[in-house]
Amino acid sequence: MTNKLSKDKLNYFKEKLQQMKEELEDKRNINSNSDELADYDNHPADMGTEQFEQQRDAGLNLMRENQLKEIEDALQKIEDGTYGISEKSGEPIPEERLEVMPTARLLVSEEEENNE
């Protein structure tokens, strides 16, 4: 099934997705440049805080990587002509949903079915 979005709308979503991708990559680069482990002994509480922050950052990085993958998949769908089409039903995803979640793969009703 082909997309019903206009060429202008597809370009709009492509630019939006590319901007989202750049922002995530910038955040990833900022975090990778802030490795601040000191070479001197820390108080045990400081070490616990540092370990917590490293685990939190690792979790955030994993979320960012997943978001980047979703964005790259959506950009590929624009290239393939399948952007804005539900992967489950083949129905068009409303523009309002794409506006809120440009990486949407399913209709809201299908998403809710998956979460039940």
Protein backbone atom coordinates (compact mmCIF):
# COMPACT_ATOMS: atom_id res chain seq x y z
CA MET A 1 0.00 0.00 0.00
CA THR A 2 1.30 3.45 -0.83
CA ASN A 3 1.30 6.47 1.39
CA LYS A 4 -1.47 9.08 1.22
CA LEU A 5 0.68 11.86 2.66
CA SER A 6 1.54 14.69 0.27
CA LYS A 7 5.12 15.21 -0.85
CA ASP A 8 5.24 18.39 1.27
CA LYS A 9 4.04 16.49 4.34
CA LEU A 10 6.59 13.73 3.75
CA ASN A 11 9.35 16.35 3.49
CA TYR A 12 8.05 17.98 6.67
CA PHE A 13 8.19 14.68 8.61
CA LYS A 14 11.58 13.84 7.11
CA GLU A 15 12.99 17.15 8.36
CA LYS A 16 11.36 16.64 11.76
CA LEU A 17 12.85 13.13 12.05
CA GLN A 18 16.29 14.34 10.96
CA GLN A 19 16.16 17.10 13.59
CA MET A 20 15.19 14.55 16.26
CA LYS A 21 18.08 12.34 15.14
CA GLU A 22 20.59 15.20 15.34
CA GLU A 23 19.40 16.15 18.84
CA LEU A 24 19.77 12.56 20.07
CA GLU A 25 23.22 12.24 18.50
CA ASP A 26 24.27 15.51 20.14
CA LYS A 27 23.11 14.22 23.54
CA ARG A 28 24.98 10.96 22.94
CA ASN A 29 28.16 12.86 22.06
CA ILE A 30 27.87 15.13 25.10
CA ASN A 31 27.51 12.12 27.41
CA SER A 32 30.39 10.23 25.84
CA ASN A 33 32.64 13.27 26.33
CA SER A 34 31.80 13.56 30.03
CA ASP A 35 33.55 10.49 31.37
CA GLU A 36 34.60 12.00 34.67
CA LEU A 37 36.05 9.13 36.66
CA ALA A 38 38.77 10.53 38.84
CA ASP A 39 42.13 8.85 39.39
CA TYR A 40 42.08 9.50 43.12
CA ASP A 41 40.31 7.60 45.90
CA ASN A 42 36.74 8.63 46.50
CA HIS A 43 34.74 8.32 49.66
CA PRO A 44 32.65 5.11 49.53
CA ALA A 45 29.44 7.17 49.31
CA ASP A 46 30.88 9.07 46.36
CA MET A 47 31.74 5.78 44.67
CA GLY A 48 28.16 4.56 45.18
CA THR A 49 26.80 7.76 43.72
CA GLU A 50 29.19 7.46 40.78
CA GLN A 51 28.12 3.86 40.16
CA PHE A 52 24.45 4.87 40.28
CA GLU A 53 25.06 7.69 37.79
CA GLN A 54 26.93 5.34 35.45
CA GLN A 55 24.05 2.85 35.52
CA ARG A 56 21.51 5.63 34.97
CA ASP A 57 23.55 7.00 32.06
CA ALA A 58 23.82 3.52 30.56
CA GLY A 59 20.04 3.17 30.73
CA LEU A 60 19.54 6.59 29.15
CA ASN A 61 22.04 5.75 26.42
CA LEU A 62 20.18 2.53 25.65
CA MET A 63 16.91 4.47 25.39
CA ARG A 64 18.57 6.99 23.06
CA GLU A 65 19.95 4.17 20.89
CA ASN A 66 16.46 2.66 20.65
CA GLN A 67 15.01 6.06 19.73
CA LEU A 68 17.71 6.53 17.08
CA LYS A 69 16.83 3.14 15.60
CA GLU A 70 13.13 4.09 15.48
CA ILE A 71 14.00 7.38 13.76
CA GLU A 72 16.27 5.67 11.24
CA ASP A 73 13.54 3.11 10.51
CA ALA A 74 11.00 5.92 9.94
CA LEU A 75 13.42 7.74 7.62
CA GLN A 76 13.90 4.52 5.67
CA LYS A 77 10.12 4.14 5.37
CA ILE A 78 9.95 7.62 3.85
CA GLU A 79 12.51 6.50 1.26
CA ASP A 80 10.60 3.25 0.65
CA GLY A 81 7.23 5.01 0.34
CA THR A 82 5.72 3.19 3.32
CA TYR A 83 5.89 5.99 5.93
CA GLY A 84 2.60 6.68 7.69
CA ILE A 85 1.22 3.20 7.00
CA SER A 86 0.42 0.84 9.87
CA GLU A 87 2.69 -2.19 9.93
CA LYS A 88 -0.17 -4.27 11.31
CA SER A 89 -3.23 -3.35 9.21
CA GLY A 90 -1.79 -1.41 6.29
CA GLU A 91 -4.14 1.46 7.13
CA PRO A 92 -2.91 5.07 6.98
CA ILE A 93 -1.74 6.49 10.32
CA PRO A 94 -3.47 9.84 10.96
CA GLU A 95 -1.27 12.92 10.52
CA GLU A 96 -2.17 14.01 14.06
CA ARG A 97 -0.54 10.84 15.43
CA LEU A 98 2.52 11.30 13.24
CA GLU A 99 2.78 14.90 14.42
CA VAL A 100 2.95 13.74 18.05
CA MET A 101 4.97 10.59 17.35
CA PRO A 102 6.75 10.77 13.97
CA THR A 103 8.13 7.26 14.51
CA ALA A 104 4.67 5.68 14.92
CA ARG A 105 4.42 2.23 13.35
CA LEU A 106 0.82 1.42 14.31
CA LEU A 107 -2.57 3.06 14.73
CA VAL A 108 -3.43 4.07 18.30
CA SER A 109 -6.04 1.28 18.51
CA GLU A 110 -3.48 -1.31 17.38
CA GLU A 111 -0.94 0.01 19.89
CA GLU A 112 -3.51 -0.36 22.66
CA GLU A 113 -4.26 -3.96 21.56
CA ASN A 114 -0.56 -4.78 21.84
CA ASN A 115 -0.40 -3.35 25.37
CA GLU A 116 -3.31 -5.35 26.73
